[in-house]
PDB file of N, CA and C in Angstrom:
ATOM      1  N   UNK A   1       0.828  -1.189   0.000  1.00  0.00           N
ATOM      2  CA  UNK A   1       0.000   0.000   0.000  1.00  0.00           C
ATOM      3  C   UNK A   1       0.872   1.252   0.000  1.00  0.00           C
ATOM      4  N   UNK A   2       2.015   1.178   0.735  1.00  0.00           N
ATOM      5  CA  UNK A   2       2.891   2.340   0.772  1.00  0.00           C
ATOM      6  C   UNK A   2       3.483   2.618  -0.603  1.00  0.00           C
ATOM      7  N   UNK A   3       3.784   1.569  -1.306  1.00  0.00           N
ATOM      8  CA  UNK A   3       4.349   1.745  -2.639  1.00  0.00           C
ATOM      9  C   UNK A   3       3.311   2.324  -3.588  1.00  0.00           C
ATOM     10  N   UNK A   4       2.103   1.930  -3.419  1.00  0.00           N
ATOM     11  CA  UNK A   4       1.018   2.463  -4.242  1.00  0.00           C
ATOM     12  C   UNK A   4       0.818   3.949  -3.951  1.00  0.00           C
ATOM     13  N   UNK A   5       0.954   4.338  -2.691  1.00  0.00           N
ATOM     14  CA  UNK A   5       0.836   5.746  -2.305  1.00  0.00           C
ATOM     15  C   UNK A   5       1.984   6.535  -2.924  1.00  0.00           C
ATOM     16  N   UNK A   6       3.198   5.952  -2.921  1.00  0.00           N
ATOM     17  CA  UNK A   6       4.353   6.618  -3.519  1.00  0.00           C
ATOM     18  C   UNK A   6       4.147   6.804  -5.025  1.00  0.00           C
ATOM     19  N   UNK A   7       3.598   5.791  -5.679  1.00  0.00           N
ATOM     20  CA  UNK A   7       3.356   5.858  -7.130  1.00  0.00           C
ATOM     21  C   UNK A   7       2.328   6.946  -7.425  1.00  0.00           C
ATOM     22  N   UNK A   8       1.248   6.997  -6.660  1.00  0.00           N
ATOM     23  CA  UNK A   8       0.202   8.005  -6.855  1.00  0.00           C
ATOM     24  C   UNK A   8       0.769   9.396  -6.581  1.00  0.00           C
ATOM     25  N   UNK A   9       1.592   9.479  -5.511  1.00  0.00           N
ATOM     26  CA  UNK A   9       2.189  10.764  -5.166  1.00  0.00           C
ATOM     27  C   UNK A   9       3.132  11.221  -6.279  1.00  0.00           C
ATOM     28  N   UNK A  10       3.915  10.282  -6.788  1.00  0.00           N
ATOM     29  CA  UNK A  10       4.860  10.588  -7.875  1.00  0.00           C
ATOM     30  C   UNK A  10       4.100  11.025  -9.127  1.00  0.00           C
ATOM     31  N   UNK A  11       3.033  10.324  -9.470  1.00  0.00           N
ATOM     32  CA  UNK A  11       2.212  10.658 -10.629  1.00  0.00           C
ATOM     33  C   UNK A  11       1.600  12.059 -10.440  1.00  0.00           C
ATOM     34  N   UNK A  12       1.137  12.358  -9.225  1.00  0.00           N
ATOM     35  CA  UNK A  12       0.566  13.669  -8.917  1.00  0.00           C
ATOM     36  C   UNK A  12       1.612  14.772  -9.123  1.00  0.00           C
ATOM     37  N   UNK A  13       2.841  14.511  -8.611  1.00  0.00           N
ATOM     38  CA  UNK A  13       3.916  15.490  -8.751  1.00  0.00           C
ATOM     39  C   UNK A  13       4.267  15.721 -10.219  1.00  0.00           C
ATOM     40  N   UNK A  14       4.280  14.630 -11.021  1.00  0.00           N
ATOM     41  CA  UNK A  14       4.555  14.770 -12.456  1.00  0.00           C
ATOM     42  C   UNK A  14       3.438  15.546 -13.151  1.00  0.00           C
ATOM     43  N   UNK A  15       2.188  15.217 -12.795  1.00  0.00           N
ATOM     44  CA  UNK A  15       1.044  15.936 -13.374  1.00  0.00           C
ATOM     45  C   UNK A  15       1.101  17.417 -13.002  1.00  0.00           C
ATOM     46  N   UNK A  16       1.445  17.683 -11.743  1.00  0.00           N
ATOM     47  CA  UNK A  16       1.541  19.059 -11.266  1.00  0.00           C
ATOM     48  C   UNK A  16       2.662  19.800 -11.997  1.00  0.00           C
ATOM     49  N   UNK A  17       3.801  19.139 -12.177  1.00  0.00           N
ATOM     50  CA  UNK A  17       4.924  19.757 -12.886  1.00  0.00           C
ATOM     51  C   UNK A  17       4.538  20.040 -14.346  1.00  0.00           C
ATOM     52  N   UNK A  18       3.860  19.090 -14.972  1.00  0.00           N
ATOM     53  CA  UNK A  18       3.403  19.289 -16.353  1.00  0.00           C
ATOM     54  C   UNK A  18       2.410  20.449 -16.446  1.00  0.00           C
ATOM     55  N   UNK A  19       1.494  20.512 -15.486  1.00  0.00           N
ATOM     56  CA  UNK A  19       0.510  21.596 -15.473  1.00  0.00           C
ATOM     57  C   UNK A  19       1.200  22.939 -15.278  1.00  0.00           C
ATOM     58  N   UNK A  20       2.216  22.952 -14.399  1.00  0.00           N
ATOM     59  CA  UNK A  20       2.974  24.184 -14.181  1.00  0.00           C
ATOM     60  C   UNK A  20       3.680  24.639 -15.452  1.00  0.00           C
ATOM     61  N   UNK A  21       4.293  23.683 -16.161  1.00  0.00           N
ATOM     62  CA  UNK A  21       5.007  24.013 -17.393  1.00  0.00           C
ATOM     63  C   UNK A  21       4.043  24.555 -18.448  1.00  0.00           C
ATOM     64  N   UNK A  22       2.871  23.907 -18.570  1.00  0.00           N
ATOM     65  CA  UNK A  22       1.867  24.382 -19.536  1.00  0.00           C
ATOM     66  C   UNK A  22       1.372  25.776 -19.162  1.00  0.00           C
ATOM     67  N   UNK A  23       1.168  26.009 -17.872  1.00  0.00           N
ATOM     68  CA  UNK A  23       0.703  27.321 -17.414  1.00  0.00           C
ATOM     69  C   UNK A  23       1.762  28.386 -17.688  1.00  0.00           C
ATOM     70  N   UNK A  24       3.028  28.057 -17.429  1.00  0.00           N
ATOM     71  CA  UNK A  24       4.105  29.005 -17.699  1.00  0.00           C
ATOM     72  C   UNK A  24       4.213  29.300 -19.193  1.00  0.00           C
ATOM     73  N   UNK A  25       4.100  28.239 -19.991  1.00  0.00           N
ATOM     74  CA  UNK A  25       4.160  28.399 -21.446  1.00  0.00           C
ATOM     75  C   UNK A  25       2.993  29.264 -21.928  1.00  0.00           C
ATOM     76  N   UNK A  26       1.775  28.969 -21.441  1.00  0.00           N
ATOM     77  CA  UNK A  26       0.596  29.756 -21.831  1.00  0.00           C
ATOM     78  C   UNK A  26       0.743  31.203 -21.388  1.00  0.00           C
ATOM     79  N   UNK A  27       1.272  31.392 -20.182  1.00  0.00           N
ATOM     80  CA  UNK A  27       1.479  32.739 -19.659  1.00  0.00           C
ATOM     81  C   UNK A  27       2.483  33.499 -20.516  1.00  0.00           C
ATOM     82  N   UNK A  28       3.570  32.835 -20.882  1.00  0.00           N
ATOM     83  CA  UNK A  28       4.594  33.470 -21.725  1.00  0.00           C
ATOM     84  C   UNK A  28       4.016  33.824 -23.094  1.00  0.00           C
ATOM     85  N   UNK A  29       3.233  32.942 -23.675  1.00  0.00           N
ATOM     86  CA  UNK A  29       2.613  33.220 -24.979  1.00  0.00           C
ATOM     87  C   UNK A  29       1.630  34.389 -24.872  1.00  0.00           C
ATOM     88  N   UNK A  30       0.864  34.425 -23.801  1.00  0.00           N
ATOM     89  CA  UNK A  30      -0.094  35.511 -23.613  1.00  0.00           C
ATOM     90  C   UNK A  30       0.635  36.839 -23.429  1.00  0.00           C
ATOM     91  N   UNK A  31       1.719  36.813 -22.661  1.00  0.00           N
ATOM     92  CA  UNK A  31       2.496  38.030 -22.450  1.00  0.00           C
ATOM     93  C   UNK A  31       3.125  38.502 -23.755  1.00  0.00           C
ATOM     94  N   UNK A  32       3.678  37.568 -24.522  1.00  0.00           N
ATOM     95  CA  UNK A  32       4.279  37.914 -25.813  1.00  0.00           C
ATOM     96  C   UNK A  32       3.220  38.495 -26.753  1.00  0.00           C
ATOM     97  N   UNK A  33       2.050  37.874 -26.786  1.00  0.00           N
ATOM     98  CA  UNK A  33       0.967  38.372 -27.627  1.00  0.00           C
ATOM     99  C   UNK A  33       0.530  39.778 -27.196  1.00  0.00           C
ATOM    100  N   UNK A  34       0.487  39.995 -25.887  1.00  0.00           N
ATOM    101  CA  UNK A  34       0.107  41.321 -25.383  1.00  0.00           C
ATOM    102  C   UNK A  34       1.146  42.363 -25.773  1.00  0.00           C
ATOM    103  N   UNK A  35       2.433  42.022 -25.658  1.00  0.00           N
ATOM    104  CA  UNK A  35       3.487  42.957 -26.060  1.00  0.00           C
ATOM    105  C   UNK A  35       3.429  43.241 -27.557  1.00  0.00           C
ATOM    106  N   UNK A  36       3.197  42.191 -28.354  1.00  0.00           N
ATOM    107  CA  UNK A  36       3.095  42.383 -29.801  1.00  0.00           C
ATOM    108  C   UNK A  36       1.906  43.273 -30.153  1.00  0.00           C
ATOM    109  N   UNK A  37       0.788  43.061 -29.477  1.00  0.00           N
ATOM    110  CA  UNK A  37      -0.400  43.893 -29.721  1.00  0.00           C
ATOM    111  C   UNK A  37      -0.119  45.342 -29.323  1.00  0.00           C
ATOM    112  N   UNK A  38       0.549  45.522 -28.179  1.00  0.00           N
ATOM    113  CA  UNK A  38       0.887  46.883 -27.734  1.00  0.00           C
ATOM    114  C   UNK A  38       1.819  47.557 -28.734  1.00  0.00           C
ATOM    115  N   UNK A  39       2.833  46.808 -29.203  1.00  0.00           N
ATOM    116  CA  UNK A  39       3.767  47.366 -30.175  1.00  0.00           C
ATOM    117  C   UNK A  39       3.066  47.711 -31.486  1.00  0.00           C
ATOM    118  N   UNK A  40       2.165  46.838 -31.929  1.00  0.00           N
ATOM    119  CA  UNK A  40       1.419  47.105 -33.163  1.00  0.00           C
ATOM    120  C   UNK A  40       0.553  48.350 -32.995  1.00  0.00           C
ATOM    121  N   UNK A  41      -0.076  48.466 -31.838  1.00  0.00           N
ATOM    122  CA  UNK A  41      -0.910  49.643 -31.564  1.00  0.00           C
ATOM    123  C   UNK A  41      -0.052  50.908 -31.549  1.00  0.00           C
ATOM    124  N   UNK A  42       1.138  50.809 -30.956  1.00  0.00           N
ATOM    125  CA  UNK A  42       2.042  51.962 -30.910  1.00  0.00           C
ATOM    126  C   UNK A  42       2.493  52.345 -32.318  1.00  0.00           C
ATOM    127  N   UNK A  43       2.793  51.341 -33.150  1.00  0.00           N
ATOM    128  CA  UNK A  43       3.205  51.628 -34.526  1.00  0.00           C
ATOM    129  C   UNK A  43       2.066  52.299 -35.291  1.00  0.00           C
ATOM    130  N   UNK A  44       0.837  51.816 -35.093  1.00  0.00           N
ATOM    131  CA  UNK A  44      -0.318  52.429 -35.753  1.00  0.00           C
ATOM    132  C   UNK A  44      -0.490  53.872 -35.298  1.00  0.00           C
ATOM    133  N   UNK A  45      -0.304  54.103 -34.005  1.00  0.00           N
ATOM    134  CA  UNK A  45      -0.402  55.462 -33.479  1.00  0.00           C
ATOM    135  C   UNK A  45       0.656  56.372 -34.075  1.00  0.00           C
ATOM    136  N   UNK A  46       1.875  55.862 -34.173  1.00  0.00           N
ATOM    137  CA  UNK A  46       2.955  56.647 -34.764  1.00  0.00           C
ATOM    138  C   UNK A  46       2.664  56.947 -36.227  1.00  0.00           C
ATOM    139  N   UNK A  47       2.128  55.950 -36.941  1.00  0.00           N
ATOM    140  CA  UNK A  47       1.783  56.152 -38.347  1.00  0.00           C
ATOM    141  C   UNK A  47       0.695  57.219 -38.476  1.00  0.00           C
ATOM    142  N   UNK A  48      -0.274  57.204 -37.565  1.00  0.00           N
ATOM    143  CA  UNK A  48      -1.334  58.225 -37.599  1.00  0.00           C
ATOM    144  C   UNK A  48      -0.753  59.609 -37.329  1.00  0.00           C
ATOM    145  N   UNK A  49       0.192  59.685 -36.395  1.00  0.00           N
ATOM    146  CA  UNK A  49       0.818  60.975 -36.086  1.00  0.00           C
ATOM    147  C   UNK A  49       1.595  61.480 -37.300  1.00  0.00           C
ATOM    148  N   UNK A  50       2.350  60.597 -37.928  1.00  0.00           N
ATOM    149  CA  UNK A  50       3.124  60.989 -39.115  1.00  0.00           C
ATOM    150  C   UNK A  50       2.176  61.467 -40.214  1.00  0.00           C
ATOM    151  N   UNK A  51       1.071  60.748 -40.419  1.00  0.00           N
ATOM    152  CA  UNK A  51       0.102  61.145 -41.437  1.00  0.00           C
ATOM    153  C   UNK A  51      -0.543  62.480 -41.093  1.00  0.00           C
ATOM    154  N   UNK A  52      -0.845  62.687 -39.818  1.00  0.00           N
ATOM    155  CA  UNK A  52      -1.459  63.952 -39.399  1.00  0.00           C
ATOM    156  C   UNK A  52      -0.496  65.120 -39.602  1.00  0.00           C
ATOM    157  N   UNK A  53       0.774  64.917 -39.264  1.00  0.00           N
ATOM    158  CA  UNK A  53       1.774  65.976 -39.452  1.00  0.00           C
ATOM    159  C   UNK A  53       1.926  66.287 -40.943  1.00  0.00           C
ATOM    160  N   UNK A  54       1.954  65.244 -41.773  1.00  0.00           N
ATOM    161  CA  UNK A  54       2.070  65.453 -43.217  1.00  0.00           C
ATOM    162  C   UNK A  54       0.844  66.200 -43.750  1.00  0.00           C
ATOM    163  N   UNK A  55      -0.334  65.845 -43.272  1.00  0.00           N
ATOM    164  CA  UNK A  55      -1.563  66.526 -43.707  1.00  0.00           C
ATOM    165  C   UNK A  55      -1.539  67.991 -43.278  1.00  0.00           C
ATOM    166  N   UNK A  56      -1.065  68.246 -42.056  1.00  0.00           N
ATOM    167  CA  UNK A  56      -0.972  69.626 -41.560  1.00  0.00           C
ATOM    168  C   UNK A  56      -0.002  70.434 -42.417  1.00  0.00           C
ATOM    169  N   UNK A  57       1.159  69.857 -42.708  1.00  0.00           N
ATOM    170  CA  UNK A  57       2.140  70.556 -43.534  1.00  0.00           C
ATOM    171  C   UNK A  57       1.587  70.825 -44.930  1.00  0.00           C
ATOM    172  N   UNK A  58       0.864  69.849 -45.482  1.00  0.00           N
ATOM    173  CA  UNK A  58       0.255  70.012 -46.796  1.00  0.00           C
ATOM    174  C   UNK A  58      -0.783  71.128 -46.765  1.00  0.00           C
ATOM    175  N   UNK A  59      -1.603  71.158 -45.726  1.00  0.00           N
ATOM    176  CA  UNK A  59      -2.626  72.198 -45.594  1.00  0.00           C
ATOM    177  C   UNK A  59      -1.978  73.574 -45.458  1.00  0.00           C
ATOM    178  N   UNK A  60      -0.893  73.660 -44.686  1.00  0.00           N
ATOM    179  CA  UNK A  60      -0.192  74.927 -44.535  1.00  0.00           C
ATOM    180  C   UNK A  60       0.404  75.382 -45.861  1.00  0.00           C
ATOM    181  N   UNK A  61       0.934  74.453 -46.635  1.00  0.00           N
ATOM    182  CA  UNK A  61       1.496  74.788 -47.942  1.00  0.00           C
ATOM    183  C   UNK A  61       0.405  75.305 -48.877  1.00  0.00           C
ATOM    184  N   UNK A  62      -0.737  74.643 -48.863  1.00  0.00           N
ATOM    185  CA  UNK A  62      -1.861  75.083 -49.692  1.00  0.00           C
ATOM    186  C   UNK A  62      -2.324  76.468 -49.250  1.00  0.00           C
ATOM    187  N   UNK A  63      -2.388  76.691 -47.949  1.00  0.00           N
ATOM    188  CA  UNK A  63      -2.807  77.997 -47.430  1.00  0.00           C
ATOM    189  C   UNK A  63      -1.833  79.094 -47.880  1.00  0.00           C
ATOM    190  N   UNK A  64      -0.532  78.806 -47.827  1.00  0.00           N
ATOM    191  CA  UNK A  64       0.452  79.795 -48.282  1.00  0.00           C
ATOM    192  C   UNK A  64       0.264  80.092 -49.770  1.00  0.00           C
ATOM    193  N   UNK A  65       0.039  79.050 -50.567  1.00  0.00           N
ATOM    194  CA  UNK A  65      -0.171  79.242 -52.004  1.00  0.00           C
ATOM    195  C   UNK A  65      -1.421  80.072 -52.269  1.00  0.00           C
ATOM    196  N   UNK A  66      -2.495  79.763 -51.539  1.00  0.00           N
ATOM    197  CA  UNK A  66      -3.736  80.514 -51.725  1.00  0.00           C
ATOM    198  C   UNK A  66      -3.566  81.975 -51.313  1.00  0.00           C
ATOM    199  N   UNK A  67      -2.828  82.209 -50.232  1.00  0.00           N
ATOM    200  CA  UNK A  67      -2.573  83.593 -49.810  1.00  0.00           C
ATOM    201  C   UNK A  67      -1.802  84.341 -50.894  1.00  0.00           C
ATOM    202  N   UNK A  68      -0.795  83.679 -51.471  1.00  0.00           N
ATOM    203  CA  UNK A  68       0.001  84.307 -52.521  1.00  0.00           C
ATOM    204  C   UNK A  68      -0.882  84.612 -53.734  1.00  0.00           C
ATOM    205  N   UNK A  69      -1.755  83.676 -54.098  1.00  0.00           N
ATOM    206  CA  UNK A  69      -2.668  83.900 -55.215  1.00  0.00           C
ATOM    207  C   UNK A  69      -3.621  85.049 -54.912  1.00  0.00           C
ATOM    208  N   UNK A  70      -4.089  85.129 -53.672  1.00  0.00           N
ATOM    209  CA  UNK A  70      -4.987  86.217 -53.275  1.00  0.00           C
ATOM    210  C   UNK A  70      -4.281  87.561 -53.369  1.00  0.00           C
ATOM    211  N   UNK A  71      -3.038  87.629 -52.917  1.00  0.00           N
ATOM    212  CA  UNK A  71      -2.263  88.867 -53.008  1.00  0.00           C
ATOM    213  C   UNK A  71      -2.096  89.258 -54.473  1.00  0.00           C
ATOM    214  N   UNK A  72      -1.764  88.275 -55.317  1.00  0.00           N
ATOM    215  CA  UNK A  72      -1.612  88.560 -56.752  1.00  0.00           C
ATOM    216  C   UNK A  72      -2.922  89.053 -57.353  1.00  0.00           C
ATOM    217  N   UNK A  73      -4.028  88.401 -56.983  1.00  0.00           N
ATOM    218  CA  UNK A  73      -5.331  88.791 -57.519  1.00  0.00           C
ATOM    219  C   UNK A  73      -5.700  90.195 -57.059  1.00  0.00           C
ATOM    220  N   UNK A  74      -5.442  90.516 -55.797  1.00  0.00           N
ATOM    221  CA  UNK A  74      -5.738  91.863 -55.295  1.00  0.00           C
ATOM    222  C   UNK A  74      -4.881  92.899 -56.011  1.00  0.00           C
ATOM    223  N   UNK A  75      -3.622  92.559 -56.236  1.00  0.00           N
ATOM    224  CA  UNK A  75      -2.725  93.472 -56.932  1.00  0.00           C
ATOM    225  C   UNK A  75      -3.217  93.707 -58.357  1.00  0.00           C
ATOM    226  N   UNK A  76      -3.604  92.646 -59.051  1.00  0.00           N
ATOM    227  CA  UNK A  76      -4.115  92.768 -60.415  1.00  0.00           C
ATOM    228  C   UNK A  76      -5.404  93.574 -60.427  1.00  0.00           C
ATOM    229  N   UNK A  77      -6.252  93.358 -59.442  1.00  0.00           N
ATOM    230  CA  UNK A  77      -7.503  94.109 -59.352  1.00  0.00           C
ATOM    231  C   UNK A  77      -7.225  95.588 -59.140  1.00  0.00           C
ATOM    232  N   UNK A  78      -6.272  95.893 -58.256  1.00  0.00           N
ATOM    233  CA  UNK A  78      -5.920  97.290 -58.004  1.00  0.00           C
ATOM    234  C   UNK A  78      -5.348  97.932 -59.262  1.00  0.00           C
ATOM    235  N   UNK A  79      -4.513  97.208 -59.993  1.00  0.00           N
ATOM    236  CA  UNK A  79      -3.946  97.732 -61.233  1.00  0.00           C
ATOM    237  C   UNK A  79      -5.043  97.996 -62.255  1.00  0.00           C
ATOM    238  N   UNK A  80      -6.010  97.084 -62.328  1.00  0.00           N
ATOM    239  CA  UNK A  80      -7.130  97.255 -63.262  1.00  0.00           C
ATOM    240  C   UNK A  80      -7.956  98.477 -62.883  1.00  0.00           C
ATOM    241  N   UNK A  81      -8.222  98.640 -61.593  1.00  0.00           N
ATOM    242  CA  UNK A  81      -8.990  99.800 -61.141  1.00  0.00           C
ATOM    243  C   UNK A  81      -8.251 101.098 -61.449  1.00  0.00           C
ATOM    244  N   UNK A  82      -6.927 101.115 -61.258  1.00  0.00           N
ATOM    245  CA  UNK A  82      -6.152 102.318 -61.554  1.00  0.00           C
ATOM    246  C   UNK A  82      -6.165 102.609 -63.058  1.00  0.00           C
ATOM    247  N   UNK A  83      -6.036 101.565 -63.891  1.00  0.00           N
ATOM    248  CA  UNK A  83      -6.059 101.757 -65.337  1.00  0.00           C
ATOM    249  C   UNK A  83      -7.425 102.280 -65.782  1.00  0.00           C
ATOM    250  N   UNK A  84      -8.500 101.747 -65.176  1.00  0.00           N
ATOM    251  CA  UNK A  84      -9.845 102.202 -65.499  1.00  0.00           C
ATOM    252  C   UNK A  84     -10.031 103.663 -65.097  1.00  0.00           C
ATOM    253  N   UNK A  85      -9.563 104.030 -63.926  1.00  0.00           N
ATOM    254  CA  UNK A  85      -9.667 105.421 -63.464  1.00  0.00           C
ATOM    255  C   UNK A  85      -8.872 106.342 -64.380  1.00  0.00           C
ATOM    256  N   UNK A  86      -7.688 105.914 -64.825  1.00  0.00           N
ATOM    257  CA  UNK A  86      -6.870 106.726 -65.730  1.00  0.00           C
ATOM    258  C   UNK A  86      -7.571 106.887 -67.079  1.00  0.00           C
ATOM    259  N   UNK A  87      -8.176 105.811 -67.561  1.00  0.00           N
ATOM    260  CA  UNK A  87      -8.895 105.884 -68.842  1.00  0.00           C
ATOM    261  C   UNK A  87     -10.085 106.822 -68.728  1.00  0.00           C
ATOM    262  N   UNK A  88     -10.793 106.765 -67.636  1.00  0.00           N
ATOM    263  CA  UNK A  88     -11.942 107.666 -67.435  1.00  0.00           C
ATOM    264  C   UNK A  88     -11.473 109.112 -67.345  1.00  0.00           C
ATOM    265  N   UNK A  89     -10.341 109.299 -66.673  1.00  0.00           N
ATOM    266  CA  UNK A  89      -9.804 110.661 -66.568  1.00  0.00           C
ATOM    267  C   UNK A  89      -9.394 111.188 -67.943  1.00  0.00           C
ATOM    268  N   UNK A  90      -8.758 110.352 -68.780  1.00  0.00           N
ATOM    269  CA  UNK A  90      -8.369 110.760 -70.132  1.00  0.00           C
ATOM    270  C   UNK A  90      -9.611 111.068 -70.969  1.00  0.00           C
ATOM    271  N   UNK A  91     -10.606 110.203 -70.823  1.00  0.00           N
ATOM    272  CA  UNK A  91     -11.857 110.396 -71.573  1.00  0.00           C
ATOM    273  C   UNK A  91     -12.525 111.702 -71.152  1.00  0.00           C
ATOM    274  N   UNK A  92     -12.551 111.954 -69.871  1.00  0.00           N
ATOM    275  CA  UNK A  92     -13.159 113.189 -69.378  1.00  0.00           C
ATOM    276  C   UNK A  92     -12.364 114.404 -69.847  1.00  0.00           C
ATOM    277  N   UNK A  93     -11.041 114.283 -69.904  1.00  0.00           N
ATOM    278  CA  UNK A  93     -10.203 115.398 -70.348  1.00  0.00           C
ATOM    279  C   UNK A  93     -10.375 115.654 -71.833  1.00  0.00           C
ATOM    280  N   UNK A  94     -10.678 114.618 -72.600  1.00  0.00           N
ATOM    281  CA  UNK A  94     -10.819 114.754 -74.047  1.00  0.00           C
ATOM    282  C   UNK A  94     -12.170 115.334 -74.444  1.00  0.00           C
ATOM    283  N   UNK A  95     -13.161 115.255 -73.611  1.00  0.00           N
ATOM    284  CA  UNK A  95     -14.484 115.780 -73.939  1.00  0.00           C
ATOM    285  C   UNK A  95     -14.441 117.301 -73.905  1.00  0.00           C
ATOM    286  N   UNK A  96     -15.135 117.907 -74.877  1.00  0.00           N
ATOM    287  CA  UNK A  96     -15.171 119.371 -74.849  1.00  0.00           C
ATOM    288  C   UNK A  96     -15.975 119.842 -73.642  1.00  0.00           C
ATOM    289  N   UNK A  97     -15.533 120.920 -73.108  1.00  0.00           N
ATOM    290  CA  UNK A  97     -16.197 121.463 -71.936  1.00  0.00           C
ATOM    291  C   UNK A  97     -17.372 122.314 -72.409  1.00  0.00           C
ATOM    292  N   UNK A  98     -18.534 121.967 -71.951  1.00  0.00           N
ATOM    293  CA  UNK A  98     -19.705 122.772 -72.300  1.00  0.00           C
ATOM    294  C   UNK A  98     -19.706 124.005 -71.427  1.00  0.00           C
ATOM    295  N   UNK A  99     -20.043 125.124 -72.087  1.00  0.00           N
ATOM    296  CA  UNK A  99     -20.072 126.354 -71.321  1.00  0.00           C
ATOM    297  C   UNK A  99     -21.278 126.343 -70.425  1.00  0.00           C
ATOM    298  N   UNK A 100     -21.025 126.710 -69.242  1.00  0.00           N
ATOM    299  CA  UNK A 100     -22.103 126.765 -68.267  1.00  0.00           C
ATOM    300  C   UNK A 100     -22.717 128.157 -68.351  1.00  0.00           C
ATOM    301  N   UNK A 101     -24.032 128.214 -68.406  1.00  0.00           N
ATOM    302  CA  UNK A 101     -24.639 129.550 -68.420  1.00  0.00           C
ATOM    303  C   UNK A 101     -24.396 130.243 -67.090  1.00  0.00           C
ATOM    304  N   UNK A 102     -24.308 131.498 -67.144  1.00  0.00           N
ATOM    305  CA  UNK A 102     -24.104 132.236 -65.901  1.00  0.00           C
ATOM    306  C   UNK A 102     -25.365 132.144 -65.078  1.00  0.00           C
ATOM    307  N   UNK A 103     -25.249 132.305 -63.798  1.00  0.00           N
ATOM    308  CA  UNK A 103     -26.423 132.202 -62.948  1.00  0.00           C
ATOM    309  C   UNK A 103     -27.494 133.224 -63.303  1.00  0.00           C
ATOM    310  N   UNK A 104     -27.091 134.393 -63.739  1.00  0.00           N
ATOM    311  CA  UNK A 104     -28.108 135.385 -64.100  1.00  0.00           C
ATOM    312  C   UNK A 104     -28.809 135.016 -65.375  1.00  0.00           C
ATOM    313  N   UNK A 105     -28.110 134.388 -66.321  1.00  0.00           N
ATOM    314  CA  UNK A 105     -28.752 133.968 -67.561  1.00  0.00           C
ATOM    315  C   UNK A 105     -29.759 132.887 -67.267  1.00  0.00           C
ATOM    316  N   UNK A 106     -29.403 132.000 -66.394  1.00  0.00           N
ATOM    317  CA  UNK A 106     -30.325 130.908 -66.028  1.00  0.00           C
ATOM    318  C   UNK A 106     -31.564 131.479 -65.370  1.00  0.00           C
ATOM    319  N   UNK A 107     -31.441 132.528 -64.611  1.00  0.00           N
ATOM    320  CA  UNK A 107     -32.604 133.133 -63.940  1.00  0.00           C
ATOM    321  C   UNK A 107     -33.482 133.888 -64.926  1.00  0.00           C
ATOM    322  N   UNK A 108     -32.870 134.442 -65.963  1.00  0.00           N
ATOM    323  CA  UNK A 108     -33.625 135.220 -66.937  1.00  0.00           C
ATOM    324  C   UNK A 108     -34.445 134.349 -67.860  1.00  0.00           C
ATOM    325  N   UNK A 109     -34.108 133.144 -67.976  1.00  0.00           N
ATOM    326  CA  UNK A 109     -34.833 132.261 -68.899  1.00  0.00           C
ATOM    327  C   UNK A 109     -36.103 131.840 -68.361  1.00  0.00           C
TER     328      UNK A 109
END
């Protein structure tokens, strides 16, 4: 009976050791998977940050270009307005001046 108890005890110890090894292995795999998931998440976050910075820089570049175009358009508009005013002034200068009746003549009529 004592030998049977020793055999059962030995089998229990082997089963326990095997269970411990499986638990350690499962724990290590779970930890590795968690680290890999964390690293993948961090890489995705970094990629999003890089994309956001690139989008911001692109938007700023577009804004600078649009501002430059607006300045050019305003300058062209101002030049056009000045040319139009000069043309009107030349046209007005070229027209014969009609004599204005004197105030007394206007009253006598």
